[in-house]
């Protein structure tokens, strides 16, 4: 196969598709990105709007060239590209209003408050939260995890235990490390098997009557492993522990039902699901959220303030100090709408098909160490690998010259890389705009890099 020739992306925007759970057509499934192109406008069906070529036109960044080549974006696990409707919605808030939510009684302020709260309600429905007041809007997954660790601190005592795993992102390690340093909390970690899955046989000894919190990722950002959250939550609850779920790599790739998962608290970011950066969510049961002391004070989180004391608002505002990012919250609705039109079961099925193809093609190169489960049914839409012939940074640089964007480094998971005996790896990760032609470009790029350094 040859490296794709340079080609500018189209700028035309398809009409809005209507209705949930629409499937990708054959062009989207086989990933060629061509398949005869799109039908004339008067013959376009709902499915045509969701073909791979049509979806790609909805992401303006894909219309640019990188080093005079088509952009092959394989870094969606770091941040997904932004949908045109998301960009427009965010800009429109500032064009038409720009007012603050929960701050005034004039028309613009009322519109901002209504839009902000409608976005919260939409997120609550999307992830099946217990209620709208059980969705706290934050800046990011990291901000949510810091809020949790600091918010739970007053209810914990020295010697209490927090159970994590060896595959966690730094965002789900450092806040608990800081908590342990401040409050004398004991940290334990579920080890990994050789297959890159959690060794759940160790739970019986790792969980004790002092276990207060079990915090883990739904999908590993390095291994791709999908963890059995419901089973772990059941075991944790039997010990009386709270379950915290980092769903950053899951939301936007698969249906996420907070109630079915059994977690008490869940965090995720909008930008990994085609929404704006700087926006995240903390979802929880009302009982779990009530345990959290406010991390920040001021703004809309107060009820009454006196010179010597203050009282707090009810949830969720109690945990939302400061000016709200109304533009980002309202823009994220467009990303959720797009994913619902495709249908998250279809997104998951297509992720598995494409990940399976990528595993097969990478394995065919020979000499690569592929990390994580071999079965695409047990992993998310990303693959990290190590090539003994190439340093990941060198490989990423040469791939970029071919127009292929990947991530190289420790992926904010240094303890996991130490466990694997690798200082760094290369990661390719997929989005709704990814196809087999992108995987082929990656394979050609690796072959080119090997020839270059040989």
Protein backbone atom coordinates (compact mmCIF):
# COMPACT_ATOMS: atom_id res chain seq x y z
CA UNK A 1 0.00 0.00 0.00
CA UNK A 2 1.18 3.56 -0.60
CA UNK A 3 1.05 6.70 1.50
CA UNK A 4 -2.12 8.63 0.67
CA UNK A 5 -1.56 11.50 -1.73
CA UNK A 6 -2.13 15.04 -0.60
CA UNK A 7 -5.73 16.07 -0.89
CA UNK A 8 -7.57 19.02 0.63
CA UNK A 9 -10.65 18.21 2.64
CA UNK A 10 -14.07 19.46 1.64
CA UNK A 11 -15.71 22.34 3.44
CA UNK A 12 -19.31 21.62 2.56
CA UNK A 13 -21.59 20.89 5.48
CA UNK A 14 -24.21 18.15 5.20
CA UNK A 15 -27.77 18.84 6.22
CA UNK A 16 -28.76 17.81 9.73
CA UNK A 17 -29.53 14.12 10.05
CA UNK A 18 -32.60 13.29 12.09
CA UNK A 19 -33.42 10.49 14.46
CA UNK A 20 -31.38 8.30 16.81
CA UNK A 21 -29.49 5.07 16.24
CA UNK A 22 -28.69 5.50 12.57
CA UNK A 23 -26.05 3.16 11.20
CA UNK A 24 -22.91 3.93 9.23
CA UNK A 25 -23.12 2.82 5.64
CA UNK A 26 -20.70 0.48 3.90
CA UNK A 27 -18.29 3.31 3.07
CA UNK A 28 -18.00 4.08 6.77
CA UNK A 29 -17.56 0.45 7.73
CA UNK A 30 -14.88 -0.45 5.22
CA UNK A 31 -13.06 2.80 5.94
CA UNK A 32 -12.02 3.53 2.39
CA UNK A 33 -13.37 7.04 2.59
CA UNK A 34 -14.36 6.87 -1.06
CA UNK A 35 -16.86 4.14 -1.95
CA UNK A 36 -18.28 6.08 -4.85
CA UNK A 37 -18.67 9.37 -2.94
CA UNK A 38 -21.93 10.93 -1.83
CA UNK A 39 -25.18 11.02 -3.73
CA UNK A 40 -26.50 14.31 -5.16
CA UNK A 41 -28.27 16.47 -2.51
CA UNK A 42 -31.76 15.55 -3.68
CA UNK A 43 -30.91 11.83 -3.32
CA UNK A 44 -29.16 11.99 0.07
CA UNK A 45 -30.57 9.63 2.68
CA UNK A 46 -30.17 9.85 6.44
CA UNK A 47 -27.50 7.15 6.32
CA UNK A 48 -25.48 9.14 3.74
CA UNK A 49 -25.05 11.91 6.30
CA UNK A 50 -23.31 9.40 8.55
CA UNK A 51 -21.00 7.80 6.01
CA UNK A 52 -17.32 8.27 6.70
CA UNK A 53 -16.83 10.93 3.97
CA UNK A 54 -19.81 12.90 5.29
CA UNK A 55 -18.66 12.63 8.89
CA UNK A 56 -15.19 13.79 7.97
CA UNK A 57 -16.60 16.93 6.41
CA UNK A 58 -18.18 17.76 9.76
CA UNK A 59 -14.70 18.19 11.32
CA UNK A 60 -13.02 21.29 9.83
CA UNK A 61 -9.52 20.35 11.02
CA UNK A 62 -9.56 17.39 8.63
CA UNK A 63 -9.76 19.83 5.74
CA UNK A 64 -6.18 21.02 6.23
CA UNK A 65 -2.94 19.61 4.90
CA UNK A 66 0.02 18.69 7.11
CA UNK A 67 3.37 18.76 5.30
CA UNK A 68 1.36 18.85 2.04
CA UNK A 69 -0.41 15.62 2.94
CA UNK A 70 -3.91 14.71 4.06
CA UNK A 71 -4.19 14.93 7.83
CA UNK A 72 -4.47 11.45 9.35
CA UNK A 73 -5.51 12.21 12.90
CA UNK A 74 -4.81 9.26 15.21
CA UNK A 75 -4.65 11.12 18.53
CA UNK A 76 -8.30 11.20 19.56
CA UNK A 77 -7.54 9.70 22.97
CA UNK A 78 -5.62 12.89 23.79
CA UNK A 79 -8.37 15.08 22.40
CA UNK A 80 -10.94 14.45 19.71
CA UNK A 81 -11.31 16.86 16.82
CA UNK A 82 -14.13 19.36 17.08
CA UNK A 83 -17.42 19.08 15.21
CA UNK A 84 -18.50 22.04 13.08
CA UNK A 85 -21.74 22.45 15.04
CA UNK A 86 -19.77 22.54 18.30
CA UNK A 87 -17.54 25.32 16.96
CA UNK A 88 -20.55 27.26 15.69
CA UNK A 89 -22.52 26.88 18.93
CA UNK A 90 -19.62 28.07 21.05
CA UNK A 91 -19.06 31.10 18.82
CA UNK A 92 -22.77 31.89 18.68
CA UNK A 93 -23.00 32.23 22.45
CA UNK A 94 -20.45 35.03 22.34
CA UNK A 95 -21.90 36.57 19.18
CA UNK A 96 -25.46 36.74 20.51
CA UNK A 97 -24.95 37.10 24.22
CA UNK A 98 -21.85 36.26 26.22
CA UNK A 99 -23.78 36.81 29.43
CA UNK A 100 -23.08 34.92 32.64
CA UNK A 101 -25.32 32.17 34.01
CA UNK A 102 -26.91 32.46 37.47
CA UNK A 103 -25.89 36.11 37.74
CA UNK A 104 -28.67 38.42 36.54
CA UNK A 105 -32.32 38.97 35.69
CA UNK A 106 -31.96 40.63 32.30
CA UNK A 107 -32.80 38.80 29.09
CA UNK A 108 -29.26 37.82 28.15
CA UNK A 109 -28.48 36.50 31.60
CA UNK A 110 -31.75 34.56 31.67
CA UNK A 111 -30.95 33.02 28.28
CA UNK A 112 -27.48 32.02 29.48
CA UNK A 113 -28.85 30.40 32.63
CA UNK A 114 -31.50 28.51 30.69
CA UNK A 115 -28.99 27.26 28.09
CA UNK A 116 -26.50 26.23 30.79
CA UNK A 117 -29.08 24.29 32.77
CA UNK A 118 -30.48 22.67 29.63
CA UNK A 119 -26.96 21.45 28.84
CA UNK A 120 -26.71 19.96 32.33
CA UNK A 121 -30.06 18.23 31.83
CA UNK A 122 -28.89 16.88 28.46
CA UNK A 123 -25.74 15.40 30.02
CA UNK A 124 -27.78 13.86 32.84
CA UNK A 125 -29.99 12.10 30.30
CA UNK A 126 -27.03 11.10 28.11
CA UNK A 127 -25.18 9.18 30.84
CA UNK A 128 -28.32 8.17 32.77
CA UNK A 129 -27.48 10.18 35.88
CA UNK A 130 -29.86 9.81 38.84
CA UNK A 131 -31.06 13.38 38.26
CA UNK A 132 -30.08 16.75 36.86
CA UNK A 133 -28.88 17.93 40.27
CA UNK A 134 -26.47 14.96 40.28
CA UNK A 135 -24.39 16.46 37.45
CA UNK A 136 -21.65 18.87 38.54
CA UNK A 137 -20.02 20.85 35.74
CA UNK A 138 -16.23 21.09 36.09
CA UNK A 139 -13.24 22.11 33.98
CA UNK A 140 -12.06 18.57 33.15
CA UNK A 141 -11.72 14.97 34.28
CA UNK A 142 -8.64 16.02 36.24
CA UNK A 143 -10.52 18.84 37.97
CA UNK A 144 -13.29 16.41 38.90
CA UNK A 145 -10.86 13.90 40.42
CA UNK A 146 -9.13 16.63 42.41
CA UNK A 147 -12.52 17.84 43.64
CA UNK A 148 -13.31 14.29 44.76
CA UNK A 149 -10.04 13.67 46.59
CA UNK A 150 -10.15 17.01 48.38
CA UNK A 151 -13.88 16.84 48.95
CA UNK A 152 -13.72 13.42 50.61
CA UNK A 153 -10.76 14.33 52.82
CA UNK A 154 -12.79 15.59 55.83
CA UNK A 155 -14.61 12.25 56.05
CA UNK A 156 -11.40 10.16 55.98
CA UNK A 157 -8.97 9.33 58.77
CA UNK A 158 -5.31 8.34 58.87
CA UNK A 159 -5.03 4.64 58.08
CA UNK A 160 -8.08 4.58 55.82
CA UNK A 161 -7.37 3.00 52.45
CA UNK A 162 -7.92 4.02 48.84
CA UNK A 163 -7.68 1.25 46.24
CA UNK A 164 -6.44 2.22 42.75
CA UNK A 165 -4.94 0.20 39.88
CA UNK A 166 -1.56 0.01 38.17
CA UNK A 167 -3.02 1.25 34.88
CA UNK A 168 -4.27 4.65 36.05
CA UNK A 169 -3.69 7.99 34.35
CA UNK A 170 -1.80 10.47 36.52
CA UNK A 171 -5.07 12.35 37.02
CA UNK A 172 -6.35 9.37 39.00
CA UNK A 173 -3.09 8.87 40.89
CA UNK A 174 -1.69 12.27 41.88
CA UNK A 175 -4.76 13.64 43.73
CA UNK A 176 -4.83 10.49 45.87
CA UNK A 177 -1.06 10.63 46.41
CA UNK A 178 -1.47 14.20 47.63
CA UNK A 179 -4.32 13.09 49.88
CA UNK A 180 -2.15 10.32 51.33
CA UNK A 181 0.63 12.82 52.02
CA UNK A 182 -1.74 15.25 53.75
CA UNK A 183 -3.98 12.87 55.67
CA UNK A 184 -2.05 9.62 56.14
CA UNK A 185 -4.27 7.65 53.77
CA UNK A 186 -2.92 4.26 52.64
CA UNK A 187 -2.85 3.64 48.89
CA UNK A 188 -3.20 0.14 47.44
CA UNK A 189 -3.18 -0.90 43.78
CA UNK A 190 -4.80 -3.73 41.82
CA UNK A 191 -1.98 -5.35 39.79
CA UNK A 192 -2.05 -6.28 36.11
CA UNK A 193 -1.94 -9.63 34.39
CA UNK A 194 0.42 -10.33 31.48
CA UNK A 195 -2.54 -9.75 29.16
CA UNK A 196 -2.94 -6.15 30.34
CA UNK A 197 -6.10 -6.77 32.36
CA UNK A 198 -6.69 -6.28 36.08
CA UNK A 199 -5.84 -9.23 38.31
CA UNK A 200 -9.19 -9.35 40.07
CA UNK A 201 -8.11 -12.44 41.97
CA UNK A 202 -6.24 -10.04 44.24
CA UNK A 203 -9.37 -8.12 45.27
CA UNK A 204 -10.07 -10.36 48.25
CA UNK A 205 -6.78 -9.41 49.88
CA UNK A 206 -6.54 -5.82 48.62
CA UNK A 207 -9.96 -4.79 49.90
CA UNK A 208 -10.16 -4.59 53.69
CA UNK A 209 -12.55 -3.13 56.26
CA UNK A 210 -10.46 0.07 56.02
CA UNK A 211 -11.07 0.47 52.27
CA UNK A 212 -13.05 3.69 51.86
CA UNK A 213 -12.66 4.44 48.14
CA UNK A 214 -12.03 2.36 45.02
CA UNK A 215 -11.06 4.64 42.12
CA UNK A 216 -10.26 3.28 38.66
CA UNK A 217 -10.46 3.88 34.95
CA UNK A 218 -13.21 2.47 32.77
CA UNK A 219 -10.92 2.24 29.71
CA UNK A 220 -7.13 2.41 30.03
CA UNK A 221 -5.63 5.26 28.01
CA UNK A 222 -2.52 3.13 27.33
CA UNK A 223 -3.64 -0.50 27.22
CA UNK A 224 -7.13 0.10 25.87
CA UNK A 225 -8.42 -2.40 28.46
CA UNK A 226 -12.13 -2.14 29.28
CA UNK A 227 -12.48 -2.92 32.97
CA UNK A 228 -15.45 -4.85 34.48
CA UNK A 229 -16.74 -1.94 36.52
CA UNK A 230 -20.02 -3.46 37.70
CA UNK A 231 -18.28 -6.52 39.21
CA UNK A 232 -15.64 -4.37 40.94
CA UNK A 233 -18.31 -1.99 42.23
CA UNK A 234 -20.27 -4.88 43.71
CA UNK A 235 -17.20 -6.10 45.60
CA UNK A 236 -16.38 -2.57 46.77
CA UNK A 237 -19.88 -1.90 48.02
CA UNK A 238 -19.79 -5.14 49.98
CA UNK A 239 -16.90 -3.54 51.89
CA UNK A 240 -18.77 -0.27 52.28
CA UNK A 241 -16.43 1.59 49.91
CA UNK A 242 -17.29 4.34 47.44
CA UNK A 243 -16.55 3.63 43.77
CA UNK A 244 -15.06 6.43 41.65
CA UNK A 245 -14.94 5.92 37.87
CA UNK A 246 -12.70 7.74 35.39
CA UNK A 247 -14.76 7.45 32.20
CA UNK A 248 -12.70 9.86 30.08
CA UNK A 249 -11.80 7.23 27.45
CA UNK A 250 -15.24 5.62 27.45
CA UNK A 251 -17.70 8.47 27.01
CA UNK A 252 -18.18 9.15 23.31
CA UNK A 253 -17.10 5.64 22.32
CA UNK A 254 -19.75 3.45 23.92
CA UNK A 255 -23.09 3.73 25.70
CA UNK A 256 -22.42 4.77 29.32
CA UNK A 257 -25.21 4.09 31.81
CA UNK A 258 -24.15 5.41 35.20
CA UNK A 259 -26.78 3.39 37.05
CA UNK A 260 -25.91 0.09 35.38
CA UNK A 261 -22.18 0.52 36.06
CA UNK A 262 -22.78 0.68 39.80
CA UNK A 263 -20.29 3.48 40.49
CA UNK A 264 -21.04 6.14 43.08
CA UNK A 265 -19.13 8.93 41.31
CA UNK A 266 -17.98 9.30 37.69
CA UNK A 267 -15.89 11.91 35.88
CA UNK A 268 -15.31 12.62 32.20
CA UNK A 269 -14.35 15.43 29.81
CA UNK A 270 -16.21 16.95 26.87
CA UNK A 271 -13.15 17.37 24.66
CA UNK A 272 -12.59 13.63 24.29
CA UNK A 273 -16.15 13.32 22.94
CA UNK A 274 -15.87 15.97 20.18
CA UNK A 275 -16.84 18.82 22.52
CA UNK A 276 -14.91 21.88 23.69
CA UNK A 277 -11.79 21.83 25.81
CA UNK A 278 -11.96 23.10 29.39
CA UNK A 279 -15.26 21.38 30.19
CA UNK A 280 -15.82 18.30 32.31
CA UNK A 281 -18.47 16.62 34.42
CA UNK A 282 -18.75 14.93 37.78
CA UNK A 283 -21.77 12.64 38.02
CA UNK A 284 -22.77 10.97 41.25
CA UNK A 285 -25.51 9.68 43.45
CA UNK A 286 -26.93 12.38 45.70
CA UNK A 287 -25.62 10.46 48.74
CA UNK A 288 -22.06 10.39 47.38
CA UNK A 289 -22.09 14.01 46.23
CA UNK A 290 -23.41 15.11 49.62
CA UNK A 291 -20.21 13.75 51.18
CA UNK A 292 -18.04 16.18 49.21
CA UNK A 293 -16.89 19.34 50.91
CA UNK A 294 -16.60 22.25 48.43
CA UNK A 295 -13.11 22.52 46.99
CA UNK A 296 -13.48 26.17 46.02
CA UNK A 297 -15.48 29.02 47.51
CA UNK A 298 -17.15 32.05 46.00
CA UNK A 299 -19.54 32.92 43.22
CA UNK A 300 -22.72 30.91 42.81
CA UNK A 301 -21.88 28.20 45.37
CA UNK A 302 -23.02 30.33 48.34
CA UNK A 303 -26.39 30.74 50.00
CA UNK A 304 -25.52 33.40 52.58
CA UNK A 305 -22.23 35.10 53.36
CA UNK A 306 -21.46 37.02 56.56
CA UNK A 307 -18.16 38.53 57.61
CA UNK A 308 -17.35 35.55 59.83
CA UNK A 309 -19.24 32.63 58.30
CA UNK A 310 -21.09 31.44 55.21
CA UNK A 311 -23.54 28.74 54.13
CA UNK A 312 -23.59 26.81 50.85
CA UNK A 313 -26.09 26.28 48.08
CA UNK A 314 -27.69 22.92 47.38
CA UNK A 315 -26.20 20.51 44.84
CA UNK A 316 -24.94 20.89 42.21
CA UNK A 317 -24.17 24.61 42.59
CA UNK A 318 -22.46 24.00 45.94
CA UNK A 319 -19.58 22.39 44.02
CA UNK A 320 -19.46 24.94 41.17
CA UNK A 321 -17.67 28.06 42.37
CA UNK A 322 -16.89 30.86 39.95
CA UNK A 323 -17.99 31.87 36.48
CA UNK A 324 -19.54 29.08 34.46
CA UNK A 325 -18.31 28.27 30.95
CA UNK A 326 -21.73 28.69 29.37
CA UNK A 327 -20.44 28.68 25.81
CA UNK A 328 -18.67 25.33 26.17
CA UNK A 329 -21.52 23.67 28.03
CA UNK A 330 -24.09 24.64 25.43
CA UNK A 331 -21.73 23.70 22.57
CA UNK A 332 -21.25 20.19 23.96
CA UNK A 333 -24.93 19.51 23.31
CA UNK A 334 -24.14 19.48 19.58
CA UNK A 335 -21.52 16.76 20.08
CA UNK A 336 -23.95 14.60 22.06
CA UNK A 337 -26.58 15.10 19.37
CA UNK A 338 -24.14 13.93 16.67
CA UNK A 339 -23.22 10.80 18.64
CA UNK A 340 -26.88 10.03 19.29
CA UNK A 341 -27.66 10.31 15.58
CA UNK A 342 -25.01 7.73 14.83
CA UNK A 343 -25.96 5.62 17.85
CA UNK A 344 -23.31 4.82 20.45
CA UNK A 345 -23.80 1.06 19.92
CA UNK A 346 -22.82 1.68 16.29
CA UNK A 347 -19.84 3.79 17.35
CA UNK A 348 -18.70 0.95 19.63
CA UNK A 349 -19.17 -1.66 16.89
CA UNK A 350 -17.21 0.42 14.40
CA UNK A 351 -14.46 1.10 16.96
CA UNK A 352 -14.08 -2.63 17.47
CA UNK A 353 -13.98 -3.34 13.75
CA UNK A 354 -11.35 -0.67 13.14
CA UNK A 355 -9.29 -1.60 16.22
CA UNK A 356 -9.32 -5.24 15.13
CA UNK A 357 -8.11 -4.24 11.68
CA UNK A 358 -5.36 -2.08 13.17
CA UNK A 359 -4.21 -4.87 15.50
CA UNK A 360 -4.02 -7.22 12.53
CA UNK A 361 -2.10 -4.76 10.36
CA UNK A 362 0.33 -3.74 13.10
CA UNK A 363 0.92 -7.37 13.96
CA UNK A 364 1.71 -8.05 10.32
CA UNK A 365 4.65 -5.64 10.41
CA UNK A 366 6.56 -7.97 12.73
CA UNK A 367 8.68 -6.97 15.69
CA UNK A 368 6.12 -4.69 17.34
CA UNK A 369 5.10 -5.16 20.97
CA UNK A 370 1.37 -4.45 21.08
CA UNK A 371 0.07 -3.53 24.52
CA UNK A 372 -3.24 -4.60 26.03
CA UNK A 373 -5.77 -7.35 25.27
CA UNK A 374 -5.52 -9.05 21.89
CA UNK A 375 -9.32 -9.26 21.60
CA UNK A 376 -10.81 -5.99 20.23
CA UNK A 377 -14.04 -6.82 22.09
CA UNK A 378 -12.18 -6.24 25.36
CA UNK A 379 -10.56 -2.93 24.50
CA UNK A 380 -11.33 0.65 23.52
CA UNK A 381 -10.46 2.53 20.35
CA UNK A 382 -6.72 2.91 20.90
CA UNK A 383 -3.55 0.88 20.50
CA UNK A 384 -0.19 1.57 22.16
CA UNK A 385 2.87 -0.22 20.86
CA UNK A 386 6.66 -0.39 21.14
CA UNK A 387 9.00 -0.84 18.19
CA UNK A 388 12.50 -1.90 19.35
CA UNK A 389 13.88 -0.44 16.12
CA UNK A 390 12.52 3.07 16.72
CA UNK A 391 12.30 5.47 19.64
CA UNK A 392 8.65 6.59 19.94
CA UNK A 393 9.63 10.26 19.58
CA UNK A 394 11.56 9.56 16.38
CA UNK A 395 8.69 7.52 15.02
CA UNK A 396 6.12 10.20 15.86
CA UNK A 397 8.25 12.86 14.18
CA UNK A 398 8.61 10.87 10.96
CA UNK A 399 4.93 9.94 10.99
CA UNK A 400 4.07 13.62 11.29
CA UNK A 401 6.09 14.28 8.13
CA UNK A 402 3.74 11.79 6.44
CA UNK A 403 0.71 13.69 7.79
CA UNK A 404 -0.01 11.07 10.48
CA UNK A 405 -0.61 12.42 14.00
CA UNK A 406 -0.01 9.98 16.88
CA UNK A 407 0.98 10.36 20.52
CA UNK A 408 4.44 9.38 21.76
CA UNK A 409 5.60 9.27 25.38
CA UNK A 410 4.36 7.85 28.66
CA UNK A 411 0.80 9.11 28.07
CA UNK A 412 0.52 10.46 31.64
CA UNK A 413 0.96 6.90 32.94
CA UNK A 414 4.56 6.62 34.15
CA UNK A 415 3.93 3.88 36.76
CA UNK A 416 2.29 1.69 34.11
CA UNK A 417 5.21 2.18 31.73
CA UNK A 418 7.66 1.28 34.50
CA UNK A 419 5.63 -1.86 35.12
CA UNK A 420 5.95 -2.70 31.41
CA UNK A 421 9.67 -1.92 31.40
CA UNK A 422 9.21 0.74 28.73
CA UNK A 423 10.14 4.43 29.07
CA UNK A 424 7.68 5.41 26.33
CA UNK A 425 5.34 4.00 23.71
CA UNK A 426 3.57 5.15 20.56
CA UNK A 427 -0.22 5.36 20.63
CA UNK A 428 -2.72 5.47 17.79
CA UNK A 429 -6.28 6.26 18.77
CA UNK A 430 -9.46 6.53 16.74
CA UNK A 431 -12.56 8.68 16.44
CA UNK A 432 -15.78 8.60 14.45
CA UNK A 433 -13.84 10.12 11.53
CA UNK A 434 -11.23 7.33 11.48
CA UNK A 435 -11.17 4.66 8.81
CA UNK A 436 -9.07 1.83 7.43
CA UNK A 437 -7.31 4.27 5.13
CA UNK A 438 -5.98 6.01 8.27
CA UNK A 439 -4.66 2.69 9.60
CA UNK A 440 -3.05 1.99 6.22
CA UNK A 441 -1.34 5.39 6.35
CA UNK A 442 -0.01 4.53 9.82
CA UNK A 443 1.38 1.21 8.60
CA UNK A 444 3.02 2.85 5.60
CA UNK A 445 4.48 5.51 7.88
CA UNK A 446 6.02 2.94 10.24
CA UNK A 447 7.51 1.07 7.28
CA UNK A 448 8.94 4.35 5.98
CA UNK A 449 10.45 5.16 9.40
CA UNK A 450 12.05 1.72 9.61
CA UNK A 451 13.62 2.19 6.18
CA UNK A 452 14.79 5.67 7.12
CA UNK A 453 16.62 4.49 10.24
CA UNK A 454 17.91 1.28 8.71
